[in-house]
């Protein structure tokens, strides 16, 4: 049974009798943490139990930096 994020938040808010905003913050916190760690640039692997691993490919970072520099050149 697939549910979207909003349905999960409503379910948890009703189950634990909590405000929707609080449940939304709790659900989204783990993804904000992953983003924060990945944007540091330390290339750490982040594992969320029962969800998976998030890995930054160092080669992909070089590719993105190359694209950014090409965009800067095109602006000139």
C-alpha atoms as a PDB file:
ATOM      1  CA  UNK A   1       0.000   0.000   0.000  1.00  0.00           C
ATOM      2  CA  UNK A   2       1.710   3.158  -1.218  1.00  0.00           C
ATOM      3  CA  UNK A   3       0.978   6.397   0.574  1.00  0.00           C
ATOM      4  CA  UNK A   4       2.166   9.870  -0.181  1.00  0.00           C
ATOM      5  CA  UNK A   5       3.907  12.056   2.361  1.00  0.00           C
ATOM      6  CA  UNK A   6       0.789  14.049   3.259  1.00  0.00           C
ATOM      7  CA  UNK A   7      -1.197  10.887   4.060  1.00  0.00           C
ATOM      8  CA  UNK A   8       1.599   9.632   6.302  1.00  0.00           C
ATOM      9  CA  UNK A   9       1.702  12.940   8.175  1.00  0.00           C
ATOM     10  CA  UNK A  10      -2.082  12.913   8.713  1.00  0.00           C
ATOM     11  CA  UNK A  11      -1.951   9.307   9.904  1.00  0.00           C
ATOM     12  CA  UNK A  12       0.844   9.991  12.413  1.00  0.00           C
ATOM     13  CA  UNK A  13      -0.779  13.211  13.658  1.00  0.00           C
ATOM     14  CA  UNK A  14      -4.028  11.371  14.358  1.00  0.00           C
ATOM     15  CA  UNK A  15      -2.336   8.341  15.875  1.00  0.00           C
ATOM     16  CA  UNK A  16      -0.200  10.352  18.336  1.00  0.00           C
ATOM     17  CA  UNK A  17      -2.621  13.292  18.746  1.00  0.00           C
ATOM     18  CA  UNK A  18      -0.068  15.872  17.610  1.00  0.00           C
ATOM     19  CA  UNK A  19      -0.376  19.034  15.495  1.00  0.00           C
ATOM     20  CA  UNK A  20       0.259  18.582  11.762  1.00  0.00           C
ATOM     21  CA  UNK A  21       3.086  21.137  11.762  1.00  0.00           C
ATOM     22  CA  UNK A  22       5.007  19.239  14.430  1.00  0.00           C
ATOM     23  CA  UNK A  23       4.617  15.903  12.654  1.00  0.00           C
ATOM     24  CA  UNK A  24       5.668  17.534   9.379  1.00  0.00           C
ATOM     25  CA  UNK A  25       8.845  18.872  11.030  1.00  0.00           C
ATOM     26  CA  UNK A  26       9.620  15.429  12.456  1.00  0.00           C
ATOM     27  CA  UNK A  27       9.099  13.649   9.136  1.00  0.00           C
ATOM     28  CA  UNK A  28      11.196  16.150   7.169  1.00  0.00           C
ATOM     29  CA  UNK A  29      14.013  16.525   9.701  1.00  0.00           C
ATOM     30  CA  UNK A  30      15.904  13.434   8.574  1.00  0.00           C
ATOM     31  CA  UNK A  31      16.028  14.678   4.984  1.00  0.00           C
ATOM     32  CA  UNK A  32      17.182  18.131   6.045  1.00  0.00           C
ATOM     33  CA  UNK A  33      19.972  16.489   8.035  1.00  0.00           C
ATOM     34  CA  UNK A  34      21.022  14.408   5.002  1.00  0.00           C
ATOM     35  CA  UNK A  35      21.094  17.519   2.829  1.00  0.00           C
ATOM     36  CA  UNK A  36      23.129  19.456   5.400  1.00  0.00           C
ATOM     37  CA  UNK A  37      25.762  16.710   5.694  1.00  0.00           C
ATOM     38  CA  UNK A  38      26.005  16.218   1.920  1.00  0.00           C
ATOM     39  CA  UNK A  39      26.375  19.926   1.156  1.00  0.00           C
ATOM     40  CA  UNK A  40      29.365  20.140   3.522  1.00  0.00           C
ATOM     41  CA  UNK A  41      31.380  18.379   0.847  1.00  0.00           C
ATOM     42  CA  UNK A  42      33.063  15.837   3.142  1.00  0.00           C
ATOM     43  CA  UNK A  43      31.628  12.957   1.048  1.00  0.00           C
ATOM     44  CA  UNK A  44      30.332  11.136   4.107  1.00  0.00           C
ATOM     45  CA  UNK A  45      27.985   8.192   3.669  1.00  0.00           C
ATOM     46  CA  UNK A  46      24.740   8.719   5.531  1.00  0.00           C
ATOM     47  CA  UNK A  47      22.640   5.744   6.578  1.00  0.00           C
ATOM     48  CA  UNK A  48      19.040   6.121   7.641  1.00  0.00           C
ATOM     49  CA  UNK A  49      17.867   2.888   9.306  1.00  0.00           C
ATOM     50  CA  UNK A  50      15.091   1.133   7.381  1.00  0.00           C
ATOM     51  CA  UNK A  51      15.397   3.686   4.560  1.00  0.00           C
ATOM     52  CA  UNK A  52      18.803   3.361   2.913  1.00  0.00           C
ATOM     53  CA  UNK A  53      22.224   4.875   2.335  1.00  0.00           C
ATOM     54  CA  UNK A  54      22.902   8.228   0.751  1.00  0.00           C
ATOM     55  CA  UNK A  55      26.282   8.596  -0.939  1.00  0.00           C
ATOM     56  CA  UNK A  56      27.886  11.479  -2.812  1.00  0.00           C
ATOM     57  CA  UNK A  57      29.821  10.303  -5.859  1.00  0.00           C
ATOM     58  CA  UNK A  58      33.058  12.348  -5.981  1.00  0.00           C
ATOM     59  CA  UNK A  59      33.170  12.117  -9.780  1.00  0.00           C
ATOM     60  CA  UNK A  60      29.699  13.631  -9.979  1.00  0.00           C
ATOM     61  CA  UNK A  61      30.873  16.630  -7.963  1.00  0.00           C
ATOM     62  CA  UNK A  62      33.626  17.284 -10.518  1.00  0.00           C
ATOM     63  CA  UNK A  63      31.041  17.073 -13.301  1.00  0.00           C
ATOM     64  CA  UNK A  64      28.735  19.560 -11.548  1.00  0.00           C
ATOM     65  CA  UNK A  65      31.604  21.984 -10.927  1.00  0.00           C
ATOM     66  CA  UNK A  66      32.533  21.755 -14.612  1.00  0.00           C
ATOM     67  CA  UNK A  67      28.946  22.580 -15.614  1.00  0.00           C
ATOM     68  CA  UNK A  68      28.896  25.543 -13.234  1.00  0.00           C
ATOM     69  CA  UNK A  69      32.093  26.938 -14.746  1.00  0.00           C
ATOM     70  CA  UNK A  70      30.706  26.491 -18.280  1.00  0.00           C
ATOM     71  CA  UNK A  71      27.595  28.455 -17.283  1.00  0.00           C
ATOM     72  CA  UNK A  72      29.801  31.246 -15.899  1.00  0.00           C
ATOM     73  CA  UNK A  73      31.734  31.374 -19.179  1.00  0.00           C
ATOM     74  CA  UNK A  74      28.501  31.586 -21.194  1.00  0.00           C
ATOM     75  CA  UNK A  75      27.346  34.563 -19.093  1.00  0.00           C
ATOM     76  CA  UNK A  76      30.413  36.576 -20.132  1.00  0.00           C
END
